[in-house]
Amino acid sequence: MVIHDAGTFLSHRIELARAIRDEGYELHVLIPDGECLKPYASEFKFHFYSIHRKSLSPISSFKTLIQMIRLYRKLKPDIIHHFTIKPVIFGSIAIRTLFYPVRVFNTITGMGFVYTATEWWVRPIRYFIDKLYQIAFSDPRIFVIFQNEDDRKQILNVTHFPTERTALIPGAGVDLNRFKYAEDGEIRNMAPFIVFLPARMLWHKGIRETVSAIENLKKEGLHVELWLAGGLDPGNHAAIPETQLRQWEKNPAIKWLGMRTDIPELMTQAHVVCLPSYREGVPLSLLEALGIGRAIVTTDAPGCREVVTDGVNGFLCPVADSKAIEIALRRIYKNPALRIKMARESRRLAEEKYDRKIIFKQSLETYRK
């Protein structure tokens, strides 16, 4: 298992790693070192390497590639599973030095900033990454797992990769034991009306548009609050500066909670979960909202539309449309019966499609094919 970030391993992959290990596989995890991994050092076989998530430096990229080649030659794995863009591309190139029938699985967890940004300077970078995908996916030992159909179509269009060597597995799944259903009716009379937005503080998560919607609803006299739960990501091109977050917080209706580990408890207090992202793989935060059982406001964008049926368990809004977000939140605010109905539909969807046990089963079955 090849991961690009220690925090992501703990939040998104650790339970899958345990499921793989419990299935009888000897599991090794290639991952950048992190203080947060120390409590798990006796549980997993970690192999540390350096990878810079935000850097496009050819020198650092080459160093990462060499480290991966050396680790692969040392470990001689039967199966390699890469997650996210850089491990997928570099790892798929590194396997060319392995002259035996290794099985390689690449999970595309989203297309990243380069495929959501519209600035002119991003276009040559996007073109370059498209070419890297073409090179990386040319090895016949590779099988690709996508989280949504839009990403699959885009990558296949760029690489001409055969569809029969792909699969759709919708996200990391949600732990229904941790994200237990909390009946929305229990909070329907609580004030204020809490809109919960869990995400890294990035512009393309739709945070500016949600803040604008809340400000307008507040001006109407609606008793609403926006809770932003997520850390800064200063190395990201789309990072929201802390100064901007502090400026928003001058409005009593806007609260930035920072990085939190008590997401289930916070989500249980919320009336609605809002993540109007510009593009995702399948966002874990929305799967968690399904588990808790909450109405959702999100965008009609890749990865987000997979989680919400418009008008059934939430509302889909156009990308970067604060007015549409405002309208959706107002409808949910003013119609408690609709909100409770949507909440129950969310939980039903979590149990039927996004339960982590279902997702793990799909992943393990893919390994066996």
Protein backbone atom coordinates (compact mmCIF):
# COMPACT_ATOMS: atom_id res chain seq x y z
CA MET A 1 0.00 0.00 0.00
CA VAL A 2 1.53 3.31 -1.10
CA ILE A 3 0.22 6.49 0.57
CA HIS A 4 1.21 10.13 0.06
CA ASP A 5 0.44 11.47 3.53
CA ALA A 6 0.44 10.09 7.08
CA GLY A 7 -2.72 11.94 8.10
CA THR A 8 -4.60 10.63 5.09
CA PHE A 9 -3.60 7.09 5.97
CA LEU A 10 -5.11 7.46 9.44
CA SER A 11 -8.31 9.18 8.26
CA HIS A 12 -9.00 7.27 5.02
CA ARG A 13 -6.96 4.05 4.73
CA ILE A 14 -6.11 2.54 8.09
CA GLU A 15 -9.27 0.43 8.31
CA LEU A 16 -8.76 -0.85 4.77
CA ALA A 17 -5.17 -1.72 5.72
CA ARG A 18 -6.46 -3.70 8.70
CA ALA A 19 -9.01 -5.49 6.51
CA ILE A 20 -6.26 -6.46 4.03
CA ARG A 21 -4.03 -7.71 6.84
CA ASP A 22 -6.87 -9.65 8.47
CA GLU A 23 -7.56 -11.31 5.12
CA GLY A 24 -4.15 -12.99 5.43
CA TYR A 25 -1.98 -10.68 3.33
CA GLU A 26 1.45 -9.60 4.57
CA LEU A 27 0.94 -5.87 4.43
CA HIS A 28 3.65 -3.24 4.01
CA VAL A 29 2.87 0.49 3.94
CA LEU A 30 5.06 2.93 2.00
CA ILE A 31 4.41 6.34 3.52
CA PRO A 32 6.12 9.62 4.44
CA ASP A 33 7.21 9.64 8.08
CA GLY A 34 4.96 11.40 10.57
CA GLU A 35 4.73 11.76 14.33
CA CYS A 36 1.11 10.57 14.18
CA LEU A 37 2.24 7.14 12.94
CA LYS A 38 4.26 6.26 16.07
CA PRO A 39 1.29 4.72 17.98
CA TYR A 40 0.81 2.31 15.04
CA ALA A 41 4.45 1.27 14.59
CA SER A 42 3.86 -2.12 16.24
CA GLU A 43 0.75 -2.78 14.16
CA PHE A 44 2.00 -2.01 10.64
CA LYS A 45 5.23 -2.47 8.70
CA PHE A 46 5.99 1.09 7.64
CA HIS A 47 8.61 1.95 5.02
CA PHE A 48 9.28 5.67 4.84
CA TYR A 49 9.93 7.67 1.70
CA SER A 50 9.74 11.36 0.83
CA ILE A 51 7.10 12.81 -1.45
CA HIS A 52 6.17 16.47 -1.73
CA ARG A 53 2.44 16.76 -2.31
CA LYS A 54 2.52 20.31 -3.67
CA SER A 55 5.93 20.52 -5.33
CA LEU A 56 6.37 20.16 -9.10
CA SER A 57 10.17 20.18 -8.81
CA PRO A 58 11.79 17.66 -11.19
CA ILE A 59 14.57 17.07 -8.65
CA SER A 60 12.25 16.15 -5.77
CA SER A 61 10.11 14.06 -8.15
CA PHE A 62 13.16 12.14 -9.35
CA LYS A 63 14.25 11.50 -5.75
CA THR A 64 10.79 10.13 -4.94
CA LEU A 65 10.89 7.86 -7.99
CA ILE A 66 14.31 6.46 -7.05
CA GLN A 67 13.18 5.77 -3.47
CA MET A 68 10.11 3.91 -4.74
CA ILE A 69 12.20 1.81 -7.14
CA ARG A 70 14.61 0.84 -4.36
CA LEU A 71 11.79 -0.11 -1.97
CA TYR A 72 9.95 -2.14 -4.62
CA ARG A 73 13.13 -4.05 -5.52
CA LYS A 74 13.84 -4.69 -1.85
CA LEU A 75 10.34 -5.86 -0.88
CA LYS A 76 9.48 -7.69 -4.13
CA PRO A 77 5.72 -7.35 -3.54
CA ASP A 78 3.11 -9.52 -5.27
CA ILE A 79 0.54 -6.70 -5.15
CA ILE A 80 1.11 -2.95 -5.09
CA HIS A 81 -1.75 -0.53 -4.41
CA HIS A 82 -1.11 3.19 -5.05
CA PHE A 83 -3.46 5.91 -3.80
CA THR A 84 -3.72 9.52 -5.10
CA ILE A 85 -2.09 11.22 -8.07
CA LYS A 86 1.64 11.33 -7.28
CA PRO A 87 2.01 7.78 -5.90
CA VAL A 88 -0.09 6.53 -8.82
CA ILE A 89 2.08 8.22 -11.46
CA PHE A 90 5.50 7.69 -9.87
CA GLY A 91 4.65 4.18 -8.67
CA SER A 92 3.35 3.13 -12.08
CA ILE A 93 6.62 4.26 -13.64
CA ALA A 94 8.69 2.59 -10.89
CA ILE A 95 7.14 -0.84 -11.52
CA ARG A 96 8.81 -0.91 -14.93
CA THR A 97 11.96 -1.97 -13.08
CA LEU A 98 10.18 -5.07 -11.73
CA PHE A 99 10.54 -7.92 -14.21
CA TYR A 100 7.99 -10.33 -12.79
CA PRO A 101 4.15 -10.51 -12.85
CA VAL A 102 3.41 -8.07 -10.04
CA ARG A 103 -0.20 -6.91 -9.83
CA VAL A 104 -0.60 -3.15 -9.60
CA PHE A 105 -3.75 -1.31 -8.48
CA ASN A 106 -4.04 2.46 -8.85
CA THR A 107 -6.83 4.25 -6.99
CA ILE A 108 -7.72 7.68 -8.37
CA THR A 109 -9.19 9.52 -5.38
CA GLY A 110 -9.94 12.69 -7.32
CA MET A 111 -8.37 14.75 -10.07
CA GLY A 112 -6.84 17.41 -7.83
CA PHE A 113 -6.36 21.16 -8.06
CA VAL A 114 -4.91 21.02 -11.57
CA TYR A 115 -8.21 19.69 -12.95
CA THR A 116 -10.46 22.14 -11.07
CA ALA A 117 -8.51 25.37 -11.54
CA THR A 118 -9.36 27.62 -14.48
CA GLU A 119 -6.33 29.93 -14.42
CA TRP A 120 -4.39 30.08 -17.68
CA TRP A 121 -1.10 29.02 -16.08
CA VAL A 122 -2.63 25.70 -14.97
CA ARG A 123 -3.24 24.52 -18.55
CA PRO A 124 0.38 23.56 -19.38
CA ILE A 125 0.65 21.77 -16.03
CA ARG A 126 -2.55 19.84 -16.80
CA TYR A 127 -1.19 18.93 -20.23
CA PHE A 128 2.05 17.69 -18.65
CA ILE A 129 0.19 15.56 -16.09
CA ASP A 130 -1.97 14.10 -18.86
CA LYS A 131 1.23 12.98 -20.59
CA LEU A 132 2.52 11.45 -17.35
CA TYR A 133 -0.71 9.49 -17.01
CA GLN A 134 -0.24 8.19 -20.57
CA ILE A 135 3.26 6.99 -19.75
CA ALA A 136 2.35 5.59 -16.35
CA PHE A 137 -0.72 3.64 -17.50
CA SER A 138 0.96 1.97 -20.47
CA ASP A 139 2.08 -1.06 -18.42
CA PRO A 140 -0.29 -4.06 -18.93
CA ARG A 141 0.04 -5.12 -15.26
CA ILE A 142 -1.91 -2.08 -14.09
CA PHE A 143 -5.57 -2.08 -12.95
CA VAL A 144 -7.22 1.26 -12.13
CA ILE A 145 -9.89 1.92 -9.50
CA PHE A 146 -11.98 5.07 -9.82
CA GLN A 147 -14.34 6.62 -7.32
CA ASN A 148 -16.71 8.18 -9.85
CA GLU A 149 -17.59 7.78 -13.51
CA ASP A 150 -16.53 11.30 -14.52
CA ASP A 151 -12.94 10.68 -13.44
CA ARG A 152 -12.90 7.34 -15.25
CA LYS A 153 -14.10 8.91 -18.50
CA GLN A 154 -11.54 11.71 -18.28
CA ILE A 155 -8.56 9.45 -17.57
CA LEU A 156 -9.59 6.89 -20.19
CA ASN A 157 -10.02 9.65 -22.76
CA VAL A 158 -6.49 10.90 -22.05
CA THR A 159 -4.72 7.53 -21.78
CA HIS A 160 -6.88 5.23 -23.96
CA PHE A 161 -6.62 2.77 -21.09
CA PRO A 162 -8.87 -0.31 -21.58
CA THR A 163 -12.16 -0.06 -19.67
CA GLU A 164 -12.06 -3.77 -18.77
CA ARG A 165 -9.02 -3.08 -16.57
CA THR A 166 -10.91 -0.56 -14.43
CA ALA A 167 -13.45 -0.67 -11.62
CA LEU A 168 -15.64 1.79 -9.75
CA ILE A 169 -15.43 1.70 -5.94
CA PRO A 170 -17.25 4.74 -4.52
CA GLY A 171 -14.86 6.17 -1.96
CA ALA A 172 -13.36 4.97 1.29
CA GLY A 173 -16.71 4.06 2.85
CA VAL A 174 -18.05 5.16 6.23
CA ASP A 175 -17.71 3.43 9.58
CA LEU A 176 -21.35 3.13 10.65
CA ASN A 177 -20.34 2.16 14.17
CA ARG A 178 -18.48 5.44 14.65
CA PHE A 179 -20.87 7.57 12.61
CA LYS A 180 -24.05 6.33 14.25
CA TYR A 181 -27.44 7.48 13.11
CA ALA A 182 -28.63 10.45 15.18
CA GLU A 183 -32.30 11.21 14.62
CA ASP A 184 -32.54 14.72 13.22
CA GLY A 185 -35.84 15.21 15.01
CA GLU A 186 -33.96 15.41 18.32
CA ILE A 187 -32.44 18.75 17.33
CA ARG A 188 -35.21 20.25 15.19
CA ASN A 189 -36.17 22.83 17.83
CA MET A 190 -32.61 23.76 18.76
CA ALA A 191 -31.40 27.23 17.95
CA PRO A 192 -29.41 28.27 16.07
CA PHE A 193 -29.75 26.32 12.82
CA ILE A 194 -26.26 24.88 12.32
CA VAL A 195 -24.74 24.40 8.86
CA PHE A 196 -21.66 22.18 9.13
CA LEU A 197 -18.89 22.32 6.50
CA PRO A 198 -16.05 19.83 7.16
CA ALA A 199 -13.12 20.29 4.76
CA ARG A 200 -9.61 21.59 4.39
CA MET A 201 -9.73 25.37 4.13
CA LEU A 202 -9.44 25.61 0.34
CA TRP A 203 -11.24 27.93 -2.05
CA HIS A 204 -12.38 25.08 -4.31
CA LYS A 205 -14.26 23.46 -1.44
CA GLY A 206 -16.92 26.15 -1.94
CA ILE A 207 -16.24 27.84 1.39
CA ARG A 208 -16.45 31.42 0.09
CA GLU A 209 -19.82 30.70 -1.54
CA THR A 210 -21.18 29.10 1.65
CA VAL A 211 -20.04 32.03 3.78
CA SER A 212 -21.82 34.42 1.38
CA ALA A 213 -25.01 32.34 1.56
CA ILE A 214 -24.96 32.33 5.37
CA GLU A 215 -24.36 36.07 5.52
CA ASN A 216 -27.41 36.68 3.32
CA LEU A 217 -29.60 34.30 5.34
CA LYS A 218 -28.50 36.04 8.52
CA LYS A 219 -29.49 39.41 7.04
CA GLU A 220 -32.98 38.00 6.45
CA GLY A 221 -33.26 37.36 10.18
CA LEU A 222 -32.77 33.58 10.03
CA HIS A 223 -31.04 32.22 13.12
CA VAL A 224 -28.23 30.35 11.34
CA GLU A 225 -24.60 29.54 12.07
CA LEU A 226 -21.87 28.14 9.82
CA TRP A 227 -19.33 25.83 11.43
CA LEU A 228 -16.15 25.41 9.37
CA ALA A 229 -14.23 22.35 10.56
CA GLY A 230 -10.86 21.82 8.91
CA GLY A 231 -7.24 22.82 9.01
CA LEU A 232 -5.18 25.20 6.92
CA ASP A 233 -3.27 23.80 3.94
CA PRO A 234 -0.69 26.53 3.28
CA GLY A 235 1.22 24.58 0.64
CA ASN A 236 -1.86 24.26 -1.55
CA HIS A 237 -2.36 26.72 -4.41
CA ALA A 238 -6.04 26.99 -3.43
CA ALA A 239 -5.39 27.60 0.29
CA ILE A 240 -7.55 30.15 2.08
CA PRO A 241 -5.30 32.43 4.18
CA GLU A 242 -5.85 32.40 7.92
CA THR A 243 -6.36 36.16 7.77
CA GLN A 244 -9.41 35.62 5.56
CA LEU A 245 -10.87 33.05 7.95
CA ARG A 246 -10.36 35.43 10.87
CA GLN A 247 -12.05 38.18 8.87
CA TRP A 248 -15.08 35.96 8.27
CA GLU A 249 -15.20 35.11 11.97
CA LYS A 250 -15.93 38.75 12.78
CA ASN A 251 -19.47 37.82 11.77
CA PRO A 252 -20.92 35.97 14.80
CA ALA A 253 -22.68 33.56 12.42
CA ILE A 254 -19.34 32.22 11.09
CA LYS A 255 -17.21 29.96 13.29
CA TRP A 256 -13.93 28.39 12.19
CA LEU A 257 -13.25 25.40 14.43
CA GLY A 258 -9.90 24.43 12.94
CA MET A 259 -8.73 20.82 12.61
CA ARG A 260 -10.96 18.55 14.68
CA THR A 261 -10.98 14.89 15.67
CA ASP A 262 -14.53 14.93 17.06
CA ILE A 263 -16.32 15.13 13.71
CA PRO A 264 -19.11 12.64 14.65
CA GLU A 265 -20.03 14.69 17.73
CA LEU A 266 -19.98 17.98 15.80
CA MET A 267 -21.99 16.54 12.92
CA THR A 268 -24.60 15.22 15.32
CA GLN A 269 -25.20 18.80 16.52
CA ALA A 270 -25.68 20.09 12.97
CA HIS A 271 -28.96 20.40 11.10
CA VAL A 272 -27.43 20.15 7.64
CA VAL A 273 -24.01 19.28 6.15
CA CYS A 274 -22.82 21.50 3.31
CA LEU A 275 -19.87 20.82 1.00
CA PRO A 276 -20.25 22.72 -2.30
CA SER A 277 -16.92 21.51 -3.68
CA TYR A 278 -15.88 22.14 -7.28
CA ARG A 279 -14.81 18.51 -7.78
CA GLU A 280 -14.06 15.44 -5.66
CA GLY A 281 -13.37 11.71 -5.86
CA VAL A 282 -16.09 10.80 -3.39
CA PRO A 283 -15.67 13.04 -0.31
CA LEU A 284 -15.38 11.18 2.98
CA SER A 285 -17.07 14.03 4.83
CA LEU A 286 -20.27 13.54 2.82
CA LEU A 287 -20.18 9.79 3.41
CA GLU A 288 -19.92 10.56 7.12
CA ALA A 289 -22.94 12.87 6.80
CA LEU A 290 -24.84 9.96 5.27
CA GLY A 291 -23.86 7.79 8.23
CA ILE A 292 -24.98 10.30 10.86
CA GLY A 293 -28.14 10.90 8.84
CA ARG A 294 -28.18 14.51 7.70
CA ALA A 295 -29.63 16.46 4.84
CA ILE A 296 -26.81 17.50 2.49
CA VAL A 297 -26.21 20.53 0.29
CA THR A 298 -23.49 19.95 -2.27
CA THR A 299 -22.72 20.58 -5.94
CA ASP A 300 -23.72 18.88 -9.15
CA ALA A 301 -20.06 18.09 -9.68
CA PRO A 302 -18.04 14.87 -10.08
CA GLY A 303 -17.80 12.95 -6.82
CA CYS A 304 -20.42 15.09 -5.07
CA ARG A 305 -23.43 14.17 -7.17
CA GLU A 306 -22.74 10.50 -6.42
CA VAL A 307 -23.72 11.05 -2.78
CA VAL A 308 -26.92 13.10 -3.20
CA THR A 309 -30.10 12.53 -5.15
CA ASP A 310 -31.47 16.03 -5.67
CA GLY A 311 -34.56 16.61 -3.57
CA VAL A 312 -34.34 13.19 -1.89
CA ASN A 313 -31.51 13.33 0.67
CA GLY A 314 -30.35 16.85 -0.09
CA PHE A 315 -29.93 19.41 -2.85
CA LEU A 316 -27.44 19.73 -5.70
CA CYS A 317 -26.30 23.23 -6.64
CA PRO A 318 -24.30 24.51 -9.61
CA VAL A 319 -20.58 24.90 -8.91
CA ALA A 320 -19.53 28.26 -7.40
CA ASP A 321 -23.13 29.46 -7.09
CA SER A 322 -23.68 31.08 -3.68
CA LYS A 323 -27.27 32.04 -4.53
CA ALA A 324 -28.20 28.41 -5.23
CA ILE A 325 -26.60 27.37 -1.91
CA GLU A 326 -28.57 30.09 -0.15
CA ILE A 327 -31.85 28.89 -1.71
CA ALA A 328 -31.15 25.26 -0.79
CA LEU A 329 -30.28 26.10 2.82
CA ARG A 330 -33.36 28.31 3.15
CA ARG A 331 -35.62 25.50 1.94
CA ILE A 332 -34.16 23.09 4.47
CA TYR A 333 -34.31 25.69 7.25
CA LYS A 334 -37.98 26.45 6.66
CA ASN A 335 -39.12 22.86 6.20
CA PRO A 336 -38.17 20.68 9.19
CA ALA A 337 -40.28 17.77 7.94
CA LEU A 338 -38.39 17.75 4.63
CA ARG A 339 -35.07 17.95 6.48
CA ILE A 340 -35.92 14.96 8.67
CA LYS A 341 -37.07 12.97 5.63
CA MET A 342 -33.82 13.78 3.83
CA ALA A 343 -31.80 12.79 6.89
CA ARG A 344 -33.41 9.35 6.99
CA GLU A 345 -32.78 8.88 3.27
CA SER A 346 -29.11 9.72 3.82
CA ARG A 347 -28.77 7.00 6.45
CA ARG A 348 -30.55 4.49 4.24
CA LEU A 349 -28.08 5.24 1.41
CA ALA A 350 -25.13 4.83 3.79
CA GLU A 351 -26.34 1.39 4.87
CA GLU A 352 -27.14 0.18 1.36
CA LYS A 353 -24.13 1.47 -0.60
CA TYR A 354 -21.43 3.21 1.43
CA ASP A 355 -20.97 1.06 4.53
CA ARG A 356 -17.22 0.55 4.92
CA LYS A 357 -17.75 -3.22 5.05
CA ILE A 358 -19.26 -3.12 1.55
CA ILE A 359 -16.39 -0.99 0.22
CA PHE A 360 -13.73 -3.24 1.77
CA LYS A 361 -15.39 -6.31 0.27
CA GLN A 362 -15.30 -4.69 -3.18
CA SER A 363 -11.60 -3.84 -2.75
CA LEU A 364 -10.63 -7.36 -1.66
CA GLU A 365 -12.63 -8.91 -4.48
CA THR A 366 -10.75 -6.67 -6.93
CA TYR A 367 -7.42 -8.00 -5.59
CA ARG A 368 -8.58 -11.59 -6.22
CA LYS A 369 -9.66 -11.03 -9.82
